[in-house]
Amino acid sequence: MASTPAQPVPARAHEPETWALRALSTASAEASGALARRMRMHPTDVSAMSHIAASDGRLGPRELSGRLGITPAAMTDVVDRLEAAGHLQRRRDTTDRRRVCLVPTESAVSEVRGQLRRLLDRLDALTEEFTPAERDAIQRYLAAATEAYHGFTTEDD
């Protein structure tokens, strides 16, 4: 039985904003790869640090392994490597002393900011091109899109 060849996706399968968001996501992944090369780090380590930095010190190794899609054993290797390089610290959770939370070091935050300075400056300049009302709309859209992505990651397979 012959299979039917895949059909191209219609041009209007989704809104242009959805495609623009996908392009932004792809560009962000490419920037993350560039950051990893510049900092001489493994891309998984950079991704881990991104999640850790965004978690406000509440993310533990178990949650991080789930986000990265790697085994707990592999996560231990990543955390050990990042800690040895001075990029993160393990700290006991203030509400549950049995739990360990991962926190970026100040030197790691400073190094990443230095590497990303030109990109962040460009994004800040771009933001200035929009009115406050437009910025509010963009922020609402991006926040809702972020929630949609988070929802997708927590859905059952």
N, C-alpha and C. Protein backbone atom coordinates (compact mmCIF):
# COMPACT_ATOMS: atom_id res chain seq x y z
N MET A 1 0.84 -1.17 0.00
CA MET A 1 0.00 0.00 0.00
C MET A 1 0.89 1.23 0.00
N ALA A 2 0.72 2.09 -0.98
CA ALA A 2 1.54 3.29 -1.11
C ALA A 2 1.05 4.36 -0.15
N SER A 3 1.99 5.08 0.43
CA SER A 3 1.60 6.17 1.33
C SER A 3 1.39 7.44 0.52
N THR A 4 0.55 8.30 1.05
CA THR A 4 0.26 9.57 0.40
C THR A 4 1.34 10.56 0.78
N PRO A 5 1.92 11.26 -0.21
CA PRO A 5 2.95 12.24 0.13
C PRO A 5 2.36 13.36 0.98
N ALA A 6 3.18 13.89 1.86
CA ALA A 6 2.74 15.00 2.71
C ALA A 6 2.41 16.21 1.86
N GLN A 7 1.34 16.86 2.22
CA GLN A 7 0.93 18.07 1.52
C GLN A 7 1.57 19.28 2.19
N PRO A 8 1.91 20.30 1.40
CA PRO A 8 2.46 21.51 2.02
C PRO A 8 1.43 22.17 2.92
N VAL A 9 1.91 22.82 3.94
CA VAL A 9 1.01 23.53 4.86
C VAL A 9 0.45 24.74 4.13
N PRO A 10 -0.88 24.92 4.15
CA PRO A 10 -1.46 26.10 3.49
C PRO A 10 -0.88 27.38 4.08
N ALA A 11 -0.75 28.39 3.24
CA ALA A 11 -0.15 29.65 3.67
C ALA A 11 -0.89 30.26 4.85
N ARG A 12 -2.19 30.08 4.94
CA ARG A 12 -2.97 30.68 6.02
C ARG A 12 -3.39 29.64 7.06
N ALA A 13 -2.58 28.63 7.27
CA ALA A 13 -2.93 27.61 8.26
C ALA A 13 -3.02 28.22 9.65
N HIS A 14 -2.23 29.24 9.91
CA HIS A 14 -2.24 29.94 11.19
C HIS A 14 -2.05 31.42 10.91
N GLU A 15 -2.31 32.22 11.92
CA GLU A 15 -2.16 33.66 11.80
C GLU A 15 -0.69 34.03 11.57
N PRO A 16 -0.44 35.15 10.89
CA PRO A 16 0.95 35.59 10.68
C PRO A 16 1.70 35.78 12.00
N GLU A 17 0.99 36.21 13.04
CA GLU A 17 1.64 36.40 14.34
C GLU A 17 2.16 35.07 14.89
N THR A 18 1.43 33.99 14.61
CA THR A 18 1.87 32.68 15.07
C THR A 18 3.17 32.28 14.38
N TRP A 19 3.25 32.55 13.08
CA TRP A 19 4.48 32.25 12.34
C TRP A 19 5.61 33.16 12.79
N ALA A 20 5.30 34.42 13.10
CA ALA A 20 6.33 35.34 13.59
C ALA A 20 6.86 34.87 14.94
N LEU A 21 5.96 34.38 15.79
CA LEU A 21 6.38 33.86 17.09
C LEU A 21 7.27 32.63 16.91
N ARG A 22 6.93 31.79 15.96
CA ARG A 22 7.76 30.61 15.67
C ARG A 22 9.15 31.03 15.18
N ALA A 23 9.19 32.04 14.33
CA ALA A 23 10.48 32.55 13.85
C ALA A 23 11.29 33.12 15.01
N LEU A 24 10.63 33.82 15.93
CA LEU A 24 11.32 34.35 17.11
C LEU A 24 11.86 33.22 17.96
N SER A 25 11.07 32.17 18.13
CA SER A 25 11.51 31.02 18.91
C SER A 25 12.75 30.38 18.29
N THR A 26 12.75 30.25 16.98
CA THR A 26 13.90 29.68 16.27
C THR A 26 15.13 30.57 16.42
N ALA A 27 14.94 31.88 16.26
CA ALA A 27 16.06 32.82 16.41
C ALA A 27 16.60 32.79 17.84
N SER A 28 15.71 32.66 18.81
CA SER A 28 16.13 32.57 20.21
C SER A 28 16.97 31.32 20.45
N ALA A 29 16.56 30.21 19.86
CA ALA A 29 17.35 28.97 19.99
C ALA A 29 18.73 29.14 19.35
N GLU A 30 18.78 29.82 18.21
CA GLU A 30 20.06 30.08 17.55
C GLU A 30 20.94 30.98 18.42
N ALA A 31 20.34 31.99 19.06
CA ALA A 31 21.09 32.88 19.95
C ALA A 31 21.62 32.11 21.15
N SER A 32 20.82 31.17 21.65
CA SER A 32 21.26 30.34 22.77
C SER A 32 22.47 29.50 22.36
N GLY A 33 22.45 28.98 21.15
CA GLY A 33 23.59 28.23 20.64
C GLY A 33 24.83 29.10 20.51
N ALA A 34 24.64 30.33 20.04
CA ALA A 34 25.77 31.27 19.93
C ALA A 34 26.32 31.60 21.32
N LEU A 35 25.43 31.79 22.29
CA LEU A 35 25.87 32.07 23.65
C LEU A 35 26.69 30.89 24.19
N ALA A 36 26.23 29.68 23.94
CA ALA A 36 26.96 28.50 24.39
C ALA A 36 28.36 28.47 23.79
N ARG A 37 28.46 28.75 22.50
CA ARG A 37 29.78 28.75 21.84
C ARG A 37 30.68 29.83 22.45
N ARG A 38 30.14 31.02 22.62
CA ARG A 38 30.94 32.13 23.15
C ARG A 38 31.40 31.89 24.58
N MET A 39 30.56 31.22 25.36
CA MET A 39 30.91 30.95 26.75
C MET A 39 31.63 29.60 26.91
N ARG A 40 31.82 28.91 25.77
CA ARG A 40 32.47 27.60 25.77
C ARG A 40 31.76 26.62 26.71
N MET A 41 30.43 26.60 26.55
CA MET A 41 29.58 25.72 27.35
C MET A 41 28.79 24.80 26.43
N HIS A 42 28.36 23.69 26.97
CA HIS A 42 27.48 22.78 26.24
C HIS A 42 26.10 23.45 26.13
N PRO A 43 25.42 23.31 25.00
CA PRO A 43 24.08 23.91 24.86
C PRO A 43 23.10 23.49 25.95
N THR A 44 23.19 22.26 26.43
CA THR A 44 22.31 21.81 27.52
C THR A 44 22.59 22.61 28.78
N ASP A 45 23.87 22.93 29.03
CA ASP A 45 24.23 23.71 30.21
C ASP A 45 23.66 25.12 30.12
N VAL A 46 23.71 25.72 28.93
CA VAL A 46 23.15 27.06 28.75
C VAL A 46 21.64 27.02 28.94
N SER A 47 21.00 26.01 28.39
CA SER A 47 19.56 25.87 28.57
C SER A 47 19.21 25.69 30.04
N ALA A 48 19.99 24.88 30.73
CA ALA A 48 19.76 24.68 32.17
C ALA A 48 19.90 26.00 32.92
N MET A 49 20.94 26.76 32.62
CA MET A 49 21.14 28.04 33.29
C MET A 49 20.01 29.01 32.99
N SER A 50 19.48 28.97 31.79
CA SER A 50 18.35 29.83 31.44
C SER A 50 17.14 29.51 32.31
N HIS A 51 16.84 28.23 32.46
CA HIS A 51 15.72 27.83 33.32
C HIS A 51 15.98 28.20 34.78
N ILE A 52 17.21 27.99 35.23
CA ILE A 52 17.56 28.29 36.62
C ILE A 52 17.43 29.79 36.88
N ALA A 53 17.94 30.61 35.98
CA ALA A 53 17.88 32.06 36.15
C ALA A 53 16.44 32.57 36.18
N ALA A 54 15.57 31.94 35.41
CA ALA A 54 14.18 32.39 35.33
C ALA A 54 13.33 31.89 36.49
N SER A 55 13.87 31.04 37.34
CA SER A 55 13.06 30.39 38.37
C SER A 55 13.08 31.10 39.72
N ASP A 56 13.85 32.15 39.87
CA ASP A 56 13.96 32.87 41.14
C ASP A 56 14.36 31.96 42.29
N GLY A 57 15.26 31.03 42.02
CA GLY A 57 15.79 30.18 43.07
C GLY A 57 14.86 29.10 43.57
N ARG A 58 13.80 28.80 42.83
CA ARG A 58 12.83 27.79 43.27
C ARG A 58 12.92 26.48 42.50
N LEU A 59 13.84 26.37 41.58
CA LEU A 59 13.92 25.19 40.71
C LEU A 59 14.95 24.20 41.26
N GLY A 60 14.52 22.96 41.39
CA GLY A 60 15.42 21.90 41.85
C GLY A 60 15.86 21.03 40.69
N PRO A 61 16.83 20.16 40.93
CA PRO A 61 17.34 19.29 39.86
C PRO A 61 16.26 18.40 39.24
N ARG A 62 15.34 17.90 40.04
CA ARG A 62 14.30 17.02 39.50
C ARG A 62 13.41 17.76 38.50
N GLU A 63 12.96 18.97 38.88
CA GLU A 63 12.12 19.76 37.97
C GLU A 63 12.90 20.15 36.72
N LEU A 64 14.15 20.49 36.91
CA LEU A 64 14.98 20.90 35.78
C LEU A 64 15.19 19.74 34.80
N SER A 65 15.39 18.54 35.31
CA SER A 65 15.57 17.40 34.40
C SER A 65 14.31 17.18 33.57
N GLY A 66 13.15 17.40 34.17
CA GLY A 66 11.90 17.28 33.43
C GLY A 66 11.77 18.33 32.35
N ARG A 67 12.16 19.56 32.66
CA ARG A 67 12.09 20.64 31.67
C ARG A 67 13.04 20.41 30.50
N LEU A 68 14.20 19.87 30.81
CA LEU A 68 15.20 19.65 29.76
C LEU A 68 15.01 18.32 29.04
N GLY A 69 14.19 17.45 29.61
CA GLY A 69 13.96 16.15 28.98
C GLY A 69 15.15 15.22 29.08
N ILE A 70 15.87 15.31 30.20
CA ILE A 70 17.02 14.43 30.41
C ILE A 70 16.80 13.63 31.69
N THR A 71 17.53 12.54 31.83
CA THR A 71 17.38 11.68 33.00
C THR A 71 17.94 12.38 34.24
N PRO A 72 17.46 11.97 35.43
CA PRO A 72 18.03 12.53 36.66
C PRO A 72 19.54 12.33 36.76
N ALA A 73 20.05 11.19 36.29
CA ALA A 73 21.50 10.95 36.33
C ALA A 73 22.24 11.95 35.45
N ALA A 74 21.72 12.19 34.25
CA ALA A 74 22.34 13.17 33.36
C ALA A 74 22.23 14.57 33.96
N MET A 75 21.12 14.83 34.65
CA MET A 75 20.94 16.14 35.29
C MET A 75 21.98 16.35 36.38
N THR A 76 22.28 15.30 37.12
CA THR A 76 23.32 15.39 38.15
C THR A 76 24.65 15.78 37.53
N ASP A 77 24.98 15.19 36.39
CA ASP A 77 26.22 15.55 35.69
C ASP A 77 26.21 17.03 35.28
N VAL A 78 25.08 17.50 34.75
CA VAL A 78 24.97 18.90 34.33
C VAL A 78 25.15 19.82 35.53
N VAL A 79 24.44 19.54 36.62
CA VAL A 79 24.53 20.39 37.81
C VAL A 79 25.95 20.36 38.38
N ASP A 80 26.55 19.19 38.46
CA ASP A 80 27.94 19.09 38.95
C ASP A 80 28.88 19.92 38.09
N ARG A 81 28.71 19.84 36.78
CA ARG A 81 29.57 20.58 35.84
C ARG A 81 29.39 22.09 36.02
N LEU A 82 28.13 22.53 36.12
CA LEU A 82 27.86 23.96 36.28
C LEU A 82 28.35 24.49 37.63
N GLU A 83 28.21 23.67 38.66
CA GLU A 83 28.70 24.08 39.97
C GLU A 83 30.23 24.16 39.98
N ALA A 84 30.90 23.18 39.39
CA ALA A 84 32.36 23.17 39.33
C ALA A 84 32.90 24.36 38.53
N ALA A 85 32.14 24.79 37.52
CA ALA A 85 32.55 25.93 36.70
C ALA A 85 32.23 27.27 37.37
N GLY A 86 31.55 27.23 38.52
CA GLY A 86 31.22 28.46 39.23
C GLY A 86 29.98 29.16 38.71
N HIS A 87 29.14 28.44 37.95
CA HIS A 87 27.94 29.05 37.38
C HIS A 87 26.72 28.95 38.28
N LEU A 88 26.68 27.98 39.17
CA LEU A 88 25.51 27.85 40.04
C LEU A 88 25.91 27.33 41.40
N GLN A 89 24.96 27.50 42.33
CA GLN A 89 25.11 26.97 43.68
C GLN A 89 23.88 26.14 44.01
N ARG A 90 24.09 25.11 44.81
CA ARG A 90 22.97 24.35 45.38
C ARG A 90 22.66 24.98 46.73
N ARG A 91 21.38 25.24 46.97
CA ARG A 91 20.96 25.80 48.26
C ARG A 91 19.77 25.02 48.78
N ARG A 92 19.70 24.87 50.07
CA ARG A 92 18.54 24.22 50.69
C ARG A 92 17.33 25.14 50.56
N ASP A 93 16.19 24.53 50.24
CA ASP A 93 14.93 25.27 50.15
C ASP A 93 14.61 25.82 51.54
N THR A 94 14.18 27.07 51.61
CA THR A 94 13.90 27.69 52.91
C THR A 94 12.64 27.12 53.57
N THR A 95 11.74 26.54 52.78
CA THR A 95 10.50 25.99 53.36
C THR A 95 10.55 24.47 53.52
N ASP A 96 11.44 23.81 52.81
CA ASP A 96 11.59 22.35 52.90
C ASP A 96 13.07 22.03 52.83
N ARG A 97 13.70 21.88 53.98
CA ARG A 97 15.15 21.70 54.05
C ARG A 97 15.64 20.43 53.37
N ARG A 98 14.74 19.49 53.06
CA ARG A 98 15.14 18.27 52.35
C ARG A 98 15.40 18.56 50.87
N ARG A 99 14.83 19.64 50.39
CA ARG A 99 14.87 19.96 48.96
C ARG A 99 16.03 20.90 48.65
N VAL A 100 16.68 20.65 47.51
CA VAL A 100 17.78 21.51 47.04
C VAL A 100 17.26 22.37 45.89
N CYS A 101 17.59 23.65 45.93
CA CYS A 101 17.26 24.56 44.84
C CYS A 101 18.56 25.00 44.16
N LEU A 102 18.45 25.30 42.89
CA LEU A 102 19.60 25.72 42.09
C LEU A 102 19.54 27.22 41.87
N VAL A 103 20.65 27.90 42.13
CA VAL A 103 20.70 29.35 42.06
C VAL A 103 21.92 29.76 41.24
N PRO A 104 21.75 30.66 40.26
CA PRO A 104 22.92 31.11 39.50
C PRO A 104 23.82 31.98 40.37
N THR A 105 25.12 31.89 40.16
CA THR A 105 26.04 32.77 40.88
C THR A 105 26.02 34.16 40.25
N GLU A 106 26.41 35.14 41.03
CA GLU A 106 26.48 36.51 40.52
C GLU A 106 27.45 36.61 39.34
N SER A 107 28.56 35.87 39.43
CA SER A 107 29.53 35.93 38.33
C SER A 107 28.94 35.35 37.05
N ALA A 108 28.13 34.30 37.15
CA ALA A 108 27.49 33.73 35.96
C ALA A 108 26.49 34.70 35.37
N VAL A 109 25.69 35.33 36.22
CA VAL A 109 24.70 36.31 35.75
C VAL A 109 25.42 37.46 35.06
N SER A 110 26.50 37.94 35.65
CA SER A 110 27.27 39.04 35.07
C SER A 110 27.87 38.65 33.72
N GLU A 111 28.41 37.45 33.64
CA GLU A 111 29.02 36.99 32.39
C GLU A 111 27.97 36.88 31.28
N VAL A 112 26.82 36.33 31.60
CA VAL A 112 25.76 36.19 30.60
C VAL A 112 25.27 37.57 30.15
N ARG A 113 25.07 38.47 31.11
CA ARG A 113 24.64 39.83 30.74
C ARG A 113 25.66 40.49 29.83
N GLY A 114 26.94 40.30 30.13
CA GLY A 114 27.97 40.86 29.27
C GLY A 114 27.92 40.29 27.86
N GLN A 115 27.72 38.99 27.76
CA GLN A 115 27.63 38.35 26.45
C GLN A 115 26.39 38.80 25.68
N LEU A 116 25.30 39.04 26.40
CA LEU A 116 24.04 39.39 25.75
C LEU A 116 23.80 40.89 25.63
N ARG A 117 24.73 41.71 26.11
CA ARG A 117 24.53 43.16 26.17
C ARG A 117 24.08 43.74 24.84
N ARG A 118 24.76 43.44 23.75
CA ARG A 118 24.38 44.02 22.45
C ARG A 118 22.98 43.59 22.03
N LEU A 119 22.65 42.33 22.24
CA LEU A 119 21.31 41.85 21.90
C LEU A 119 20.26 42.56 22.75
N LEU A 120 20.51 42.66 24.05
CA LEU A 120 19.55 43.32 24.94
C LEU A 120 19.40 44.79 24.59
N ASP A 121 20.50 45.45 24.23
CA ASP A 121 20.42 46.86 23.81
C ASP A 121 19.58 47.00 22.55
N ARG A 122 19.75 46.09 21.60
CA ARG A 122 18.94 46.13 20.36
C ARG A 122 17.46 45.93 20.66
N LEU A 123 17.17 44.99 21.54
CA LEU A 123 15.77 44.74 21.90
C LEU A 123 15.17 45.92 22.63
N ASP A 124 15.95 46.55 23.53
CA ASP A 124 15.46 47.74 24.22
C ASP A 124 15.18 48.87 23.23
N ALA A 125 16.09 49.06 22.26
CA ALA A 125 15.89 50.10 21.25
C ALA A 125 14.65 49.80 20.41
N LEU A 126 14.44 48.55 20.09
CA LEU A 126 13.25 48.16 19.33
C LEU A 126 11.98 48.48 20.12
N THR A 127 12.00 48.21 21.40
CA THR A 127 10.85 48.48 22.26
C THR A 127 10.49 49.96 22.23
N GLU A 128 11.49 50.81 22.17
CA GLU A 128 11.25 52.26 22.16
C GLU A 128 10.49 52.73 20.92
N GLU A 129 10.45 51.91 19.87
CA GLU A 129 9.75 52.28 18.65
C GLU A 129 8.23 52.14 18.78
N PHE A 130 7.75 51.57 19.86
CA PHE A 130 6.32 51.33 20.03
C PHE A 130 5.74 52.27 21.09
N THR A 131 4.47 52.57 20.92
CA THR A 131 3.77 53.40 21.90
C THR A 131 3.53 52.56 23.16
N PRO A 132 3.25 53.22 24.28
CA PRO A 132 2.93 52.45 25.49
C PRO A 132 1.76 51.48 25.28
N ALA A 133 0.74 51.89 24.54
CA ALA A 133 -0.40 50.99 24.29
C ALA A 133 0.03 49.79 23.45
N GLU A 134 0.87 50.02 22.46
CA GLU A 134 1.36 48.91 21.64
C GLU A 134 2.22 47.97 22.48
N ARG A 135 3.04 48.53 23.34
CA ARG A 135 3.88 47.70 24.22
C ARG A 135 3.02 46.84 25.14
N ASP A 136 1.95 47.43 25.66
CA ASP A 136 1.05 46.66 26.51
C ASP A 136 0.45 45.48 25.74
N ALA A 137 0.03 45.73 24.50
CA ALA A 137 -0.55 44.66 23.67
C ALA A 137 0.49 43.58 23.38
N ILE A 138 1.70 44.00 23.05
CA ILE A 138 2.78 43.04 22.78
C ILE A 138 3.06 42.20 24.03
N GLN A 139 3.13 42.87 25.17
CA GLN A 139 3.41 42.16 26.42
C GLN A 139 2.30 41.16 26.74
N ARG A 140 1.04 41.56 26.55
CA ARG A 140 -0.08 40.64 26.79
C ARG A 140 0.00 39.43 25.86
N TYR A 141 0.28 39.68 24.59
CA TYR A 141 0.38 38.58 23.62
C TYR A 141 1.51 37.63 24.00
N LEU A 142 2.68 38.18 24.30
CA LEU A 142 3.82 37.32 24.63
C LEU A 142 3.59 36.55 25.93
N ALA A 143 2.96 37.17 26.91
CA ALA A 143 2.65 36.48 28.17
C ALA A 143 1.67 35.33 27.91
N ALA A 144 0.65 35.58 27.10
CA ALA A 144 -0.32 34.53 26.78
C ALA A 144 0.33 33.42 25.95
N ALA A 145 1.21 33.80 25.02
CA ALA A 145 1.91 32.80 24.21
C ALA A 145 2.82 31.95 25.08
N THR A 146 3.47 32.57 26.04
CA THR A 146 4.32 31.83 26.98
C THR A 146 3.49 30.82 27.75
N GLU A 147 2.32 31.23 28.21
CA GLU A 147 1.44 30.31 28.92
C GLU A 147 0.99 29.17 28.02
N ALA A 148 0.73 29.47 26.74
CA ALA A 148 0.35 28.41 25.79
C ALA A 148 1.48 27.39 25.65
N TYR A 149 2.71 27.88 25.55
CA TYR A 149 3.86 26.97 25.47
C TYR A 149 3.97 26.13 26.74
N HIS A 150 3.84 26.79 27.91
CA HIS A 150 3.91 26.04 29.17
C HIS A 150 2.80 25.00 29.24
N GLY A 151 1.61 25.35 28.78
CA GLY A 151 0.50 24.40 28.76
C GLY A 151 0.81 23.20 27.90
N PHE A 152 1.42 23.45 26.75
CA PHE A 152 1.78 22.35 25.85
C PHE A 152 2.78 21.41 26.51
N THR A 153 3.74 21.96 27.24
CA THR A 153 4.78 21.12 27.85
C THR A 153 4.24 20.28 28.99
N THR A 154 3.11 20.67 29.58
CA THR A 154 2.57 19.90 30.70
C THR A 154 1.44 18.97 30.29
N GLU A 155 1.04 19.00 29.01
CA GLU A 155 -0.01 18.09 28.54
C GLU A 155 0.51 16.66 28.54
N ASP A 156 -0.39 15.73 28.73
CA ASP A 156 -0.02 14.31 28.64
C ASP A 156 0.37 13.98 27.21
N ASP A 157 1.36 13.10 27.07
CA ASP A 157 1.82 12.70 25.73
C ASP A 157 0.83 11.81 25.04
